[in-house]
Amino acid sequence: MSTRTENVDLVPGEVVGNLARAALLAALVGAFAYVKFPNPVSPVDVTLQVLGVFLAGILLGPLWGGASLGLYLVAGALGAPIFNGGAAGIGHLFGSTAGYLWSYPIAAALVGFLAHGGVETRSLEDLAVWRLVAAMVAGTVVIYALGVAGLMVVLGYGLGKAFGVGAAAFLPAEAVKVAAAVGIVRSDALRVE
């Protein structure tokens, strides 16, 4: 009996590792959707999802960070309960929070690009704190610009009302998330020996 073997082109280990990290960060953003705090100025609760968006961009870089949040959107649209408070389904990508959700891959890619100074991912130790903060501020602008636009289109809010309840009410919480992301990135827990 003869045994025949075929040549198989394996996926490079770096791609497999990056895909695994992207899936892990997508899951983290989904888990952060369950961590909610009441917002006294808005009817919408504060979640930690944006912290996950920041971390995806910084830890994975622009390409895999953006891909990670794209994976997050696909998983949620297909029924994984990973949107705000455990919501799921494709309808959320067209509802009142659609602008925020669609902004996540863009913001993660932008944060990664600005934090790393380009498409190539650099060592976390090489990223200056000012660069990290600037990248996350730019990501926040993208998230809230698209979120406010979504509120205006879907709910018919005027710019003032949409900005007030959809962006301004969350800015203090975003400052805390930026500080938390810097602390996580600078922690010894992420150092690989």
N, C-alpha and C. Protein backbone atom coordinates (compact mmCIF):
# COMPACT_ATOMS: atom_id res chain seq x y z
N MET A 1 0.85 -1.16 0.00
CA MET A 1 0.00 0.00 0.00
C MET A 1 0.90 1.23 0.00
N SER A 2 0.61 2.10 -0.87
CA SER A 2 1.40 3.32 -1.02
C SER A 2 0.70 4.47 -0.30
N THR A 3 1.49 5.25 0.37
CA THR A 3 0.97 6.43 1.05
C THR A 3 1.46 7.66 0.29
N ARG A 4 0.55 8.49 -0.05
CA ARG A 4 0.91 9.67 -0.81
C ARG A 4 0.70 10.90 0.07
N THR A 5 1.66 11.77 0.03
CA THR A 5 1.53 13.02 0.80
C THR A 5 1.51 14.19 -0.16
N GLU A 6 0.79 15.18 0.21
CA GLU A 6 0.67 16.39 -0.59
C GLU A 6 1.44 17.50 0.11
N ASN A 7 1.92 18.40 -0.68
CA ASN A 7 2.52 19.60 -0.10
C ASN A 7 1.41 20.52 0.37
N VAL A 8 1.56 20.99 1.57
CA VAL A 8 0.58 21.90 2.15
C VAL A 8 1.29 23.19 2.51
N ASP A 9 0.77 24.29 2.01
CA ASP A 9 1.31 25.58 2.39
C ASP A 9 0.66 25.98 3.71
N LEU A 10 1.46 26.03 4.74
CA LEU A 10 0.94 26.40 6.05
C LEU A 10 0.85 27.91 6.17
N VAL A 11 -0.08 28.34 6.96
CA VAL A 11 -0.20 29.77 7.25
C VAL A 11 0.97 30.13 8.15
N PRO A 12 1.68 31.20 7.82
CA PRO A 12 2.82 31.58 8.66
C PRO A 12 2.41 31.78 10.12
N GLY A 13 3.29 31.40 11.01
CA GLY A 13 3.02 31.50 12.45
C GLY A 13 2.69 32.91 12.89
N GLU A 14 3.31 33.90 12.26
CA GLU A 14 3.04 35.28 12.64
C GLU A 14 1.59 35.65 12.35
N VAL A 15 1.06 35.18 11.23
CA VAL A 15 -0.34 35.46 10.89
C VAL A 15 -1.27 34.78 11.87
N VAL A 16 -0.96 33.53 12.21
CA VAL A 16 -1.79 32.80 13.17
C VAL A 16 -1.78 33.52 14.52
N GLY A 17 -0.60 33.94 14.96
CA GLY A 17 -0.50 34.67 16.23
C GLY A 17 -1.28 35.97 16.21
N ASN A 18 -1.15 36.72 15.11
CA ASN A 18 -1.88 37.99 15.00
C ASN A 18 -3.39 37.77 14.96
N LEU A 19 -3.82 36.73 14.26
CA LEU A 19 -5.25 36.43 14.21
C LEU A 19 -5.78 36.04 15.59
N ALA A 20 -4.99 35.27 16.32
CA ALA A 20 -5.40 34.89 17.68
C ALA A 20 -5.48 36.12 18.58
N ARG A 21 -4.50 37.02 18.48
CA ARG A 21 -4.54 38.25 19.29
C ARG A 21 -5.71 39.14 18.89
N ALA A 22 -6.00 39.20 17.59
CA ALA A 22 -7.14 40.00 17.12
C ALA A 22 -8.45 39.44 17.69
N ALA A 23 -8.60 38.12 17.67
CA ALA A 23 -9.80 37.49 18.23
C ALA A 23 -9.89 37.75 19.73
N LEU A 24 -8.76 37.70 20.42
CA LEU A 24 -8.74 37.95 21.86
C LEU A 24 -9.16 39.38 22.18
N LEU A 25 -8.65 40.35 21.42
CA LEU A 25 -9.04 41.74 21.66
C LEU A 25 -10.50 41.98 21.29
N ALA A 26 -10.99 41.32 20.24
CA ALA A 26 -12.41 41.44 19.89
C ALA A 26 -13.27 40.90 21.04
N ALA A 27 -12.86 39.80 21.61
CA ALA A 27 -13.59 39.23 22.76
C ALA A 27 -13.52 40.16 23.97
N LEU A 28 -12.37 40.80 24.16
CA LEU A 28 -12.22 41.73 25.28
C LEU A 28 -13.17 42.92 25.12
N VAL A 29 -13.28 43.45 23.90
CA VAL A 29 -14.22 44.55 23.67
C VAL A 29 -15.64 44.08 23.97
N GLY A 30 -15.96 42.85 23.57
CA GLY A 30 -17.27 42.28 23.87
C GLY A 30 -17.51 42.15 25.37
N ALA A 31 -16.49 41.71 26.10
CA ALA A 31 -16.61 41.60 27.56
C ALA A 31 -16.77 42.99 28.19
N PHE A 32 -16.04 43.97 27.64
CA PHE A 32 -16.14 45.34 28.16
C PHE A 32 -17.52 45.94 27.94
N ALA A 33 -18.30 45.40 27.00
CA ALA A 33 -19.66 45.89 26.76
C ALA A 33 -20.58 45.60 27.94
N TYR A 34 -20.20 44.63 28.76
CA TYR A 34 -21.00 44.25 29.93
C TYR A 34 -20.68 45.12 31.14
N VAL A 35 -19.56 45.82 31.12
CA VAL A 35 -19.17 46.67 32.25
C VAL A 35 -19.80 48.05 32.00
N LYS A 36 -20.86 48.33 32.75
CA LYS A 36 -21.64 49.55 32.52
C LYS A 36 -21.72 50.39 33.79
N PHE A 37 -21.67 51.71 33.57
CA PHE A 37 -21.83 52.67 34.65
C PHE A 37 -22.89 53.68 34.22
N PRO A 38 -23.79 54.06 35.12
CA PRO A 38 -24.79 55.07 34.74
C PRO A 38 -24.13 56.41 34.44
N ASN A 39 -24.66 57.09 33.45
CA ASN A 39 -24.18 58.42 33.09
C ASN A 39 -25.24 59.42 33.54
N PRO A 40 -24.91 60.29 34.48
CA PRO A 40 -25.93 61.21 35.01
C PRO A 40 -26.41 62.25 34.00
N VAL A 41 -25.69 62.44 32.90
CA VAL A 41 -26.03 63.47 31.93
C VAL A 41 -26.70 62.90 30.68
N SER A 42 -26.64 61.59 30.53
CA SER A 42 -27.16 60.97 29.31
C SER A 42 -27.98 59.73 29.67
N PRO A 43 -28.97 59.40 28.86
CA PRO A 43 -29.72 58.17 29.12
C PRO A 43 -28.94 56.91 28.77
N VAL A 44 -27.79 57.07 28.14
CA VAL A 44 -26.96 55.93 27.73
C VAL A 44 -25.87 55.71 28.76
N ASP A 45 -25.69 54.46 29.16
CA ASP A 45 -24.65 54.11 30.14
C ASP A 45 -23.26 54.23 29.52
N VAL A 46 -22.27 54.41 30.37
CA VAL A 46 -20.87 54.38 29.97
C VAL A 46 -20.42 52.93 30.03
N THR A 47 -19.76 52.45 28.97
CA THR A 47 -19.17 51.11 28.97
C THR A 47 -17.67 51.24 28.80
N LEU A 48 -16.98 50.12 28.88
CA LEU A 48 -15.53 50.13 28.69
C LEU A 48 -15.11 49.75 27.27
N GLN A 49 -16.06 49.66 26.34
CA GLN A 49 -15.74 49.24 24.98
C GLN A 49 -14.66 50.09 24.33
N VAL A 50 -14.71 51.39 24.53
CA VAL A 50 -13.73 52.27 23.90
C VAL A 50 -12.32 51.98 24.43
N LEU A 51 -12.21 51.59 25.70
CA LEU A 51 -10.90 51.18 26.22
C LEU A 51 -10.37 50.00 25.41
N GLY A 52 -11.23 49.06 25.08
CA GLY A 52 -10.82 47.93 24.26
C GLY A 52 -10.40 48.35 22.86
N VAL A 53 -11.10 49.34 22.30
CA VAL A 53 -10.72 49.87 20.98
C VAL A 53 -9.31 50.47 21.06
N PHE A 54 -9.06 51.27 22.09
CA PHE A 54 -7.73 51.85 22.27
C PHE A 54 -6.66 50.76 22.36
N LEU A 55 -6.92 49.76 23.20
CA LEU A 55 -5.93 48.70 23.41
C LEU A 55 -5.69 47.89 22.14
N ALA A 56 -6.74 47.64 21.37
CA ALA A 56 -6.57 46.91 20.11
C ALA A 56 -5.64 47.66 19.18
N GLY A 57 -5.84 48.96 19.04
CA GLY A 57 -4.98 49.75 18.17
C GLY A 57 -3.54 49.80 18.65
N ILE A 58 -3.37 49.99 19.95
CA ILE A 58 -2.01 50.11 20.50
C ILE A 58 -1.29 48.76 20.51
N LEU A 59 -1.95 47.73 20.97
CA LEU A 59 -1.29 46.43 21.12
C LEU A 59 -1.12 45.69 19.80
N LEU A 60 -2.06 45.86 18.87
CA LEU A 60 -2.02 45.10 17.62
C LEU A 60 -1.55 45.92 16.43
N GLY A 61 -1.51 47.24 16.57
CA GLY A 61 -1.14 48.09 15.45
C GLY A 61 -2.34 48.38 14.57
N PRO A 62 -2.13 49.18 13.53
CA PRO A 62 -3.26 49.63 12.72
C PRO A 62 -3.95 48.53 11.93
N LEU A 63 -3.22 47.62 11.35
CA LEU A 63 -3.84 46.59 10.51
C LEU A 63 -4.62 45.57 11.33
N TRP A 64 -3.97 44.96 12.28
CA TRP A 64 -4.63 43.93 13.09
C TRP A 64 -5.57 44.52 14.11
N GLY A 65 -5.30 45.75 14.58
CA GLY A 65 -6.24 46.42 15.48
C GLY A 65 -7.56 46.69 14.80
N GLY A 66 -7.50 47.22 13.57
CA GLY A 66 -8.72 47.45 12.80
C GLY A 66 -9.43 46.15 12.46
N ALA A 67 -8.64 45.12 12.10
CA ALA A 67 -9.22 43.81 11.79
C ALA A 67 -9.91 43.21 13.01
N SER A 68 -9.32 43.41 14.18
CA SER A 68 -9.90 42.89 15.41
C SER A 68 -11.30 43.46 15.65
N LEU A 69 -11.46 44.76 15.43
CA LEU A 69 -12.78 45.37 15.65
C LEU A 69 -13.73 45.06 14.52
N GLY A 70 -13.21 44.79 13.33
CA GLY A 70 -14.06 44.28 12.25
C GLY A 70 -14.62 42.92 12.62
N LEU A 71 -13.77 42.06 13.18
CA LEU A 71 -14.19 40.75 13.66
C LEU A 71 -15.25 40.90 14.76
N TYR A 72 -15.07 41.86 15.63
CA TYR A 72 -16.04 42.16 16.69
C TYR A 72 -17.41 42.47 16.09
N LEU A 73 -17.44 43.33 15.07
CA LEU A 73 -18.71 43.70 14.44
C LEU A 73 -19.37 42.50 13.77
N VAL A 74 -18.58 41.68 13.08
CA VAL A 74 -19.13 40.49 12.41
C VAL A 74 -19.72 39.54 13.45
N ALA A 75 -18.97 39.30 14.53
CA ALA A 75 -19.45 38.37 15.57
C ALA A 75 -20.75 38.87 16.19
N GLY A 76 -20.81 40.16 16.49
CA GLY A 76 -22.03 40.72 17.07
C GLY A 76 -23.20 40.68 16.10
N ALA A 77 -22.93 40.96 14.83
CA ALA A 77 -24.00 40.93 13.82
C ALA A 77 -24.53 39.52 13.64
N LEU A 78 -23.66 38.52 13.80
CA LEU A 78 -24.08 37.12 13.62
C LEU A 78 -24.75 36.54 14.86
N GLY A 79 -24.82 37.32 15.94
CA GLY A 79 -25.58 36.87 17.10
C GLY A 79 -24.81 36.69 18.39
N ALA A 80 -23.50 36.92 18.39
CA ALA A 80 -22.76 36.85 19.65
C ALA A 80 -23.20 38.03 20.52
N PRO A 81 -23.55 37.80 21.77
CA PRO A 81 -24.06 38.88 22.63
C PRO A 81 -22.94 39.77 23.16
N ILE A 82 -22.34 40.56 22.27
CA ILE A 82 -21.15 41.33 22.63
C ILE A 82 -21.30 42.83 22.42
N PHE A 83 -22.48 43.29 22.02
CA PHE A 83 -22.70 44.72 21.93
C PHE A 83 -23.14 45.23 23.31
N ASN A 84 -23.37 46.51 23.43
CA ASN A 84 -23.67 47.14 24.71
C ASN A 84 -24.67 46.33 25.54
N GLY A 85 -24.22 45.91 26.71
CA GLY A 85 -25.08 45.19 27.64
C GLY A 85 -25.47 43.79 27.21
N GLY A 86 -24.78 43.21 26.25
CA GLY A 86 -25.08 41.86 25.80
C GLY A 86 -26.02 41.80 24.61
N ALA A 87 -26.24 42.92 23.97
CA ALA A 87 -27.09 42.94 22.77
C ALA A 87 -26.37 42.25 21.61
N ALA A 88 -27.15 41.81 20.64
CA ALA A 88 -26.58 41.13 19.47
C ALA A 88 -27.51 41.33 18.28
N GLY A 89 -26.98 41.05 17.11
CA GLY A 89 -27.79 41.07 15.90
C GLY A 89 -27.41 42.18 14.95
N ILE A 90 -27.67 41.92 13.70
CA ILE A 90 -27.28 42.87 12.64
C ILE A 90 -28.02 44.20 12.75
N GLY A 91 -29.20 44.19 13.36
CA GLY A 91 -29.96 45.43 13.50
C GLY A 91 -29.21 46.50 14.26
N HIS A 92 -28.33 46.11 15.16
CA HIS A 92 -27.57 47.10 15.94
C HIS A 92 -26.59 47.88 15.06
N LEU A 93 -26.21 47.30 13.92
CA LEU A 93 -25.31 48.01 13.01
C LEU A 93 -26.04 49.06 12.19
N PHE A 94 -27.37 49.15 12.39
CA PHE A 94 -28.17 50.15 11.68
C PHE A 94 -29.06 50.93 12.63
N GLY A 95 -28.91 50.71 13.94
CA GLY A 95 -29.73 51.37 14.94
C GLY A 95 -29.08 52.62 15.49
N SER A 96 -29.54 53.05 16.65
CA SER A 96 -29.09 54.32 17.23
C SER A 96 -27.61 54.31 17.62
N THR A 97 -27.04 53.15 17.86
CA THR A 97 -25.61 53.09 18.21
C THR A 97 -24.73 52.71 17.03
N ALA A 98 -25.31 52.66 15.83
CA ALA A 98 -24.58 52.23 14.64
C ALA A 98 -23.33 53.07 14.39
N GLY A 99 -23.44 54.37 14.54
CA GLY A 99 -22.28 55.23 14.29
C GLY A 99 -21.10 54.88 15.17
N TYR A 100 -21.38 54.61 16.43
CA TYR A 100 -20.31 54.22 17.34
C TYR A 100 -19.70 52.89 16.92
N LEU A 101 -20.57 51.91 16.65
CA LEU A 101 -20.08 50.58 16.30
C LEU A 101 -19.23 50.61 15.03
N TRP A 102 -19.70 51.28 13.99
CA TRP A 102 -18.95 51.35 12.73
C TRP A 102 -17.64 52.10 12.90
N SER A 103 -17.58 52.99 13.89
CA SER A 103 -16.34 53.76 14.10
C SER A 103 -15.23 52.92 14.73
N TYR A 104 -15.59 51.84 15.41
CA TYR A 104 -14.58 51.10 16.17
C TYR A 104 -13.41 50.59 15.32
N PRO A 105 -13.63 49.92 14.18
CA PRO A 105 -12.47 49.48 13.39
C PRO A 105 -11.64 50.65 12.87
N ILE A 106 -12.32 51.73 12.48
CA ILE A 106 -11.61 52.90 11.98
C ILE A 106 -10.77 53.52 13.09
N ALA A 107 -11.37 53.67 14.26
CA ALA A 107 -10.66 54.27 15.39
C ALA A 107 -9.49 53.40 15.84
N ALA A 108 -9.67 52.09 15.89
CA ALA A 108 -8.57 51.21 16.29
C ALA A 108 -7.41 51.31 15.30
N ALA A 109 -7.73 51.34 14.01
CA ALA A 109 -6.69 51.47 12.99
C ALA A 109 -5.97 52.82 13.12
N LEU A 110 -6.73 53.89 13.35
CA LEU A 110 -6.13 55.21 13.50
C LEU A 110 -5.26 55.28 14.75
N VAL A 111 -5.76 54.76 15.86
CA VAL A 111 -4.98 54.76 17.10
C VAL A 111 -3.67 53.98 16.88
N GLY A 112 -3.76 52.83 16.25
CA GLY A 112 -2.56 52.05 15.98
C GLY A 112 -1.59 52.77 15.08
N PHE A 113 -2.11 53.40 14.02
CA PHE A 113 -1.25 54.12 13.07
C PHE A 113 -0.53 55.28 13.75
N LEU A 114 -1.27 56.06 14.52
CA LEU A 114 -0.66 57.22 15.19
C LEU A 114 0.26 56.81 16.33
N ALA A 115 -0.13 55.81 17.09
CA ALA A 115 0.70 55.37 18.22
C ALA A 115 2.03 54.79 17.73
N HIS A 116 1.99 54.04 16.65
CA HIS A 116 3.20 53.38 16.14
C HIS A 116 3.91 54.20 15.07
N GLY A 117 3.33 55.32 14.67
CA GLY A 117 3.97 56.18 13.69
C GLY A 117 3.98 55.60 12.28
N GLY A 118 3.00 54.76 11.97
CA GLY A 118 2.92 54.16 10.64
C GLY A 118 2.26 52.81 10.71
N VAL A 119 2.42 52.05 9.63
CA VAL A 119 1.76 50.75 9.52
C VAL A 119 2.51 49.67 10.31
N GLU A 120 3.81 49.78 10.40
CA GLU A 120 4.62 48.79 11.12
C GLU A 120 4.42 48.94 12.63
N THR A 121 4.21 47.83 13.30
CA THR A 121 4.02 47.84 14.75
C THR A 121 5.38 47.85 15.43
N ARG A 122 5.58 48.81 16.30
CA ARG A 122 6.83 48.93 17.05
C ARG A 122 6.67 48.37 18.45
N SER A 123 7.77 48.20 19.12
CA SER A 123 7.77 47.72 20.50
C SER A 123 7.03 48.73 21.39
N LEU A 124 6.28 48.21 22.35
CA LEU A 124 5.52 49.09 23.25
C LEU A 124 6.44 50.03 24.03
N GLU A 125 7.65 49.57 24.33
CA GLU A 125 8.59 50.40 25.06
C GLU A 125 9.02 51.62 24.25
N ASP A 126 8.93 51.53 22.92
CA ASP A 126 9.34 52.63 22.05
C ASP A 126 8.25 53.69 21.87
N LEU A 127 7.06 53.46 22.39
CA LEU A 127 5.95 54.38 22.19
C LEU A 127 5.92 55.41 23.32
N ALA A 128 6.13 56.65 22.96
CA ALA A 128 6.11 57.74 23.94
C ALA A 128 4.68 57.95 24.46
N VAL A 129 4.59 58.34 25.72
CA VAL A 129 3.28 58.55 26.33
C VAL A 129 2.51 59.63 25.57
N TRP A 130 3.16 60.70 25.17
CA TRP A 130 2.46 61.76 24.44
C TRP A 130 1.87 61.22 23.15
N ARG A 131 2.59 60.30 22.49
CA ARG A 131 2.11 59.73 21.24
C ARG A 131 0.89 58.84 21.50
N LEU A 132 0.93 58.08 22.59
CA LEU A 132 -0.21 57.23 22.95
C LEU A 132 -1.44 58.08 23.23
N VAL A 133 -1.27 59.13 24.02
CA VAL A 133 -2.40 59.99 24.38
C VAL A 133 -2.95 60.68 23.13
N ALA A 134 -2.08 61.21 22.29
CA ALA A 134 -2.54 61.88 21.06
C ALA A 134 -3.31 60.90 20.16
N ALA A 135 -2.81 59.68 20.06
CA ALA A 135 -3.48 58.67 19.23
C ALA A 135 -4.88 58.37 19.76
N MET A 136 -5.00 58.23 21.09
CA MET A 136 -6.30 57.92 21.67
C MET A 136 -7.26 59.10 21.59
N VAL A 137 -6.76 60.32 21.69
CA VAL A 137 -7.61 61.49 21.52
C VAL A 137 -8.15 61.52 20.09
N ALA A 138 -7.30 61.23 19.11
CA ALA A 138 -7.75 61.18 17.72
C ALA A 138 -8.79 60.07 17.54
N GLY A 139 -8.57 58.91 18.16
CA GLY A 139 -9.54 57.83 18.08
C GLY A 139 -10.86 58.21 18.71
N THR A 140 -10.82 58.94 19.81
CA THR A 140 -12.03 59.41 20.48
C THR A 140 -12.82 60.36 19.57
N VAL A 141 -12.10 61.23 18.87
CA VAL A 141 -12.76 62.16 17.95
C VAL A 141 -13.51 61.38 16.86
N VAL A 142 -12.87 60.35 16.31
CA VAL A 142 -13.51 59.54 15.27
C VAL A 142 -14.76 58.85 15.83
N ILE A 143 -14.62 58.22 16.99
CA ILE A 143 -15.74 57.49 17.59
C ILE A 143 -16.93 58.40 17.82
N TYR A 144 -16.68 59.56 18.42
CA TYR A 144 -17.80 60.44 18.73
C TYR A 144 -18.32 61.21 17.53
N ALA A 145 -17.47 61.49 16.55
CA ALA A 145 -17.97 62.13 15.32
C ALA A 145 -18.94 61.20 14.60
N LEU A 146 -18.57 59.93 14.45
CA LEU A 146 -19.47 58.99 13.79
C LEU A 146 -20.67 58.65 14.66
N GLY A 147 -20.46 58.58 15.97
CA GLY A 147 -21.57 58.32 16.88
C GLY A 147 -22.61 59.42 16.85
N VAL A 148 -22.16 60.67 16.87
CA VAL A 148 -23.07 61.81 16.80
C VAL A 148 -23.78 61.83 15.45
N ALA A 149 -23.04 61.57 14.38
CA ALA A 149 -23.66 61.52 13.05
C ALA A 149 -24.73 60.43 13.00
N GLY A 150 -24.46 59.30 13.61
CA GLY A 150 -25.45 58.22 13.66
C GLY A 150 -26.71 58.63 14.41
N LEU A 151 -26.56 59.32 15.52
CA LEU A 151 -27.72 59.80 16.28
C LEU A 151 -28.54 60.79 15.46
N MET A 152 -27.85 61.62 14.70
CA MET A 152 -28.56 62.60 13.87
C MET A 152 -29.34 61.91 12.75
N VAL A 153 -28.74 60.90 12.14
CA VAL A 153 -29.39 60.22 11.02
C VAL A 153 -30.50 59.28 11.51
N VAL A 154 -30.20 58.45 12.49
CA VAL A 154 -31.14 57.42 12.91
C VAL A 154 -32.26 57.98 13.79
N LEU A 155 -31.90 58.85 14.74
CA LEU A 155 -32.91 59.37 15.66
C LEU A 155 -33.42 60.76 15.29
N GLY A 156 -32.82 61.38 14.29
CA GLY A 156 -33.26 62.69 13.85
C GLY A 156 -32.89 63.83 14.80
N TYR A 157 -31.90 63.61 15.65
CA TYR A 157 -31.46 64.66 16.57
C TYR A 157 -30.78 65.77 15.79
N GLY A 158 -30.89 67.00 16.31
CA GLY A 158 -30.09 68.10 15.79
C GLY A 158 -28.67 67.96 16.30
N LEU A 159 -27.76 68.71 15.70
CA LEU A 159 -26.35 68.60 16.08
C LEU A 159 -26.12 68.88 17.56
N GLY A 160 -26.74 69.91 18.09
CA GLY A 160 -26.54 70.27 19.50
C GLY A 160 -26.97 69.16 20.45
N LYS A 161 -28.17 68.63 20.23
CA LYS A 161 -28.66 67.56 21.10
C LYS A 161 -27.83 66.30 20.93
N ALA A 162 -27.51 65.93 19.68
CA ALA A 162 -26.72 64.72 19.43
C ALA A 162 -25.35 64.83 20.08
N PHE A 163 -24.71 66.00 19.97
CA PHE A 163 -23.40 66.19 20.59
C PHE A 163 -23.50 66.16 22.11
N GLY A 164 -24.53 66.79 22.64
CA GLY A 164 -24.69 66.84 24.10
C GLY A 164 -24.87 65.48 24.74
N VAL A 165 -25.81 64.68 24.20
CA VAL A 165 -26.09 63.38 24.80
C VAL A 165 -25.23 62.26 24.24
N GLY A 166 -24.63 62.49 23.07
CA GLY A 166 -23.88 61.42 22.42
C GLY A 166 -22.38 61.55 22.48
N ALA A 167 -21.86 62.72 22.92
CA ALA A 167 -20.41 62.89 22.97
C ALA A 167 -19.98 63.62 24.25
N ALA A 168 -20.46 64.84 24.44
CA ALA A 168 -20.01 65.65 25.58
C ALA A 168 -20.24 64.95 26.91
N ALA A 169 -21.33 64.23 27.02
CA ALA A 169 -21.66 63.54 28.27
C ALA A 169 -20.67 62.43 28.60
N PHE A 170 -19.90 61.98 27.61
CA PHE A 170 -18.99 60.85 27.81
C PHE A 170 -17.52 61.25 27.90
N LEU A 171 -17.20 62.49 27.62
CA LEU A 171 -15.79 62.89 27.55
C LEU A 171 -15.03 62.69 28.87
N PRO A 172 -15.61 63.00 30.03
CA PRO A 172 -14.86 62.72 31.26
C PRO A 172 -14.50 61.23 31.41
N ALA A 173 -15.43 60.35 31.04
CA ALA A 173 -15.15 58.92 31.11
C ALA A 173 -14.05 58.52 30.13
N GLU A 174 -14.02 59.18 28.97
CA GLU A 174 -12.98 58.86 27.98
C GLU A 174 -11.61 59.25 28.49
N ALA A 175 -11.51 60.34 29.24
CA ALA A 175 -10.23 60.74 29.82
C ALA A 175 -9.72 59.66 30.77
N VAL A 176 -10.63 59.08 31.54
CA VAL A 176 -10.25 57.99 32.46
C VAL A 176 -9.78 56.76 31.66
N LYS A 177 -10.46 56.46 30.55
CA LYS A 177 -10.07 55.32 29.72
C LYS A 177 -8.71 55.52 29.07
N VAL A 178 -8.42 56.76 28.66
CA VAL A 178 -7.10 57.07 28.09
C VAL A 178 -6.03 56.81 29.15
N ALA A 179 -6.26 57.31 30.36
CA ALA A 179 -5.29 57.10 31.44
C ALA A 179 -5.13 55.61 31.75
N ALA A 180 -6.23 54.88 31.76
CA ALA A 180 -6.17 53.43 32.03
C ALA A 180 -5.39 52.72 30.93
N ALA A 181 -5.61 53.09 29.69
CA ALA A 181 -4.89 52.44 28.58
C ALA A 181 -3.39 52.70 28.68
N VAL A 182 -3.01 53.93 29.01
CA VAL A 182 -1.58 54.24 29.18
C VAL A 182 -1.01 53.40 30.31
N GLY A 183 -1.74 53.29 31.42
CA GLY A 183 -1.27 52.47 32.54
C GLY A 183 -1.12 51.01 32.16
N ILE A 184 -2.05 50.48 31.40
CA ILE A 184 -1.98 49.07 30.98
C ILE A 184 -0.79 48.86 30.04
N VAL A 185 -0.62 49.75 29.08
CA VAL A 185 0.46 49.61 28.11
C VAL A 185 1.82 49.76 28.78
N ARG A 186 1.91 50.59 29.78
CA ARG A 186 3.17 50.81 30.49
C ARG A 186 3.42 49.80 31.61
N SER A 187 2.45 48.95 31.89
CA SER A 187 2.61 48.00 33.01
C SER A 187 3.59 46.91 32.66
N ASP A 188 4.16 46.30 33.67
CA ASP A 188 5.10 45.19 33.47
C ASP A 188 4.39 43.92 33.01
N ALA A 189 3.08 43.87 33.15
CA ALA A 189 2.34 42.66 32.77
C ALA A 189 2.41 42.37 31.27
N LEU A 190 2.63 43.39 30.45
CA LEU A 190 2.70 43.22 29.01
C LEU A 190 4.13 43.00 28.49
N ARG A 191 5.09 43.02 29.36
CA ARG A 191 6.48 42.85 28.94
C ARG A 191 6.75 41.38 28.64
N VAL A 192 7.34 41.15 27.50
CA VAL A 192 7.72 39.78 27.11
C VAL A 192 9.23 39.68 27.23
N GLU A 193 9.67 38.73 27.99
CA GLU A 193 11.12 38.55 28.20
C GLU A 193 11.71 37.69 27.11
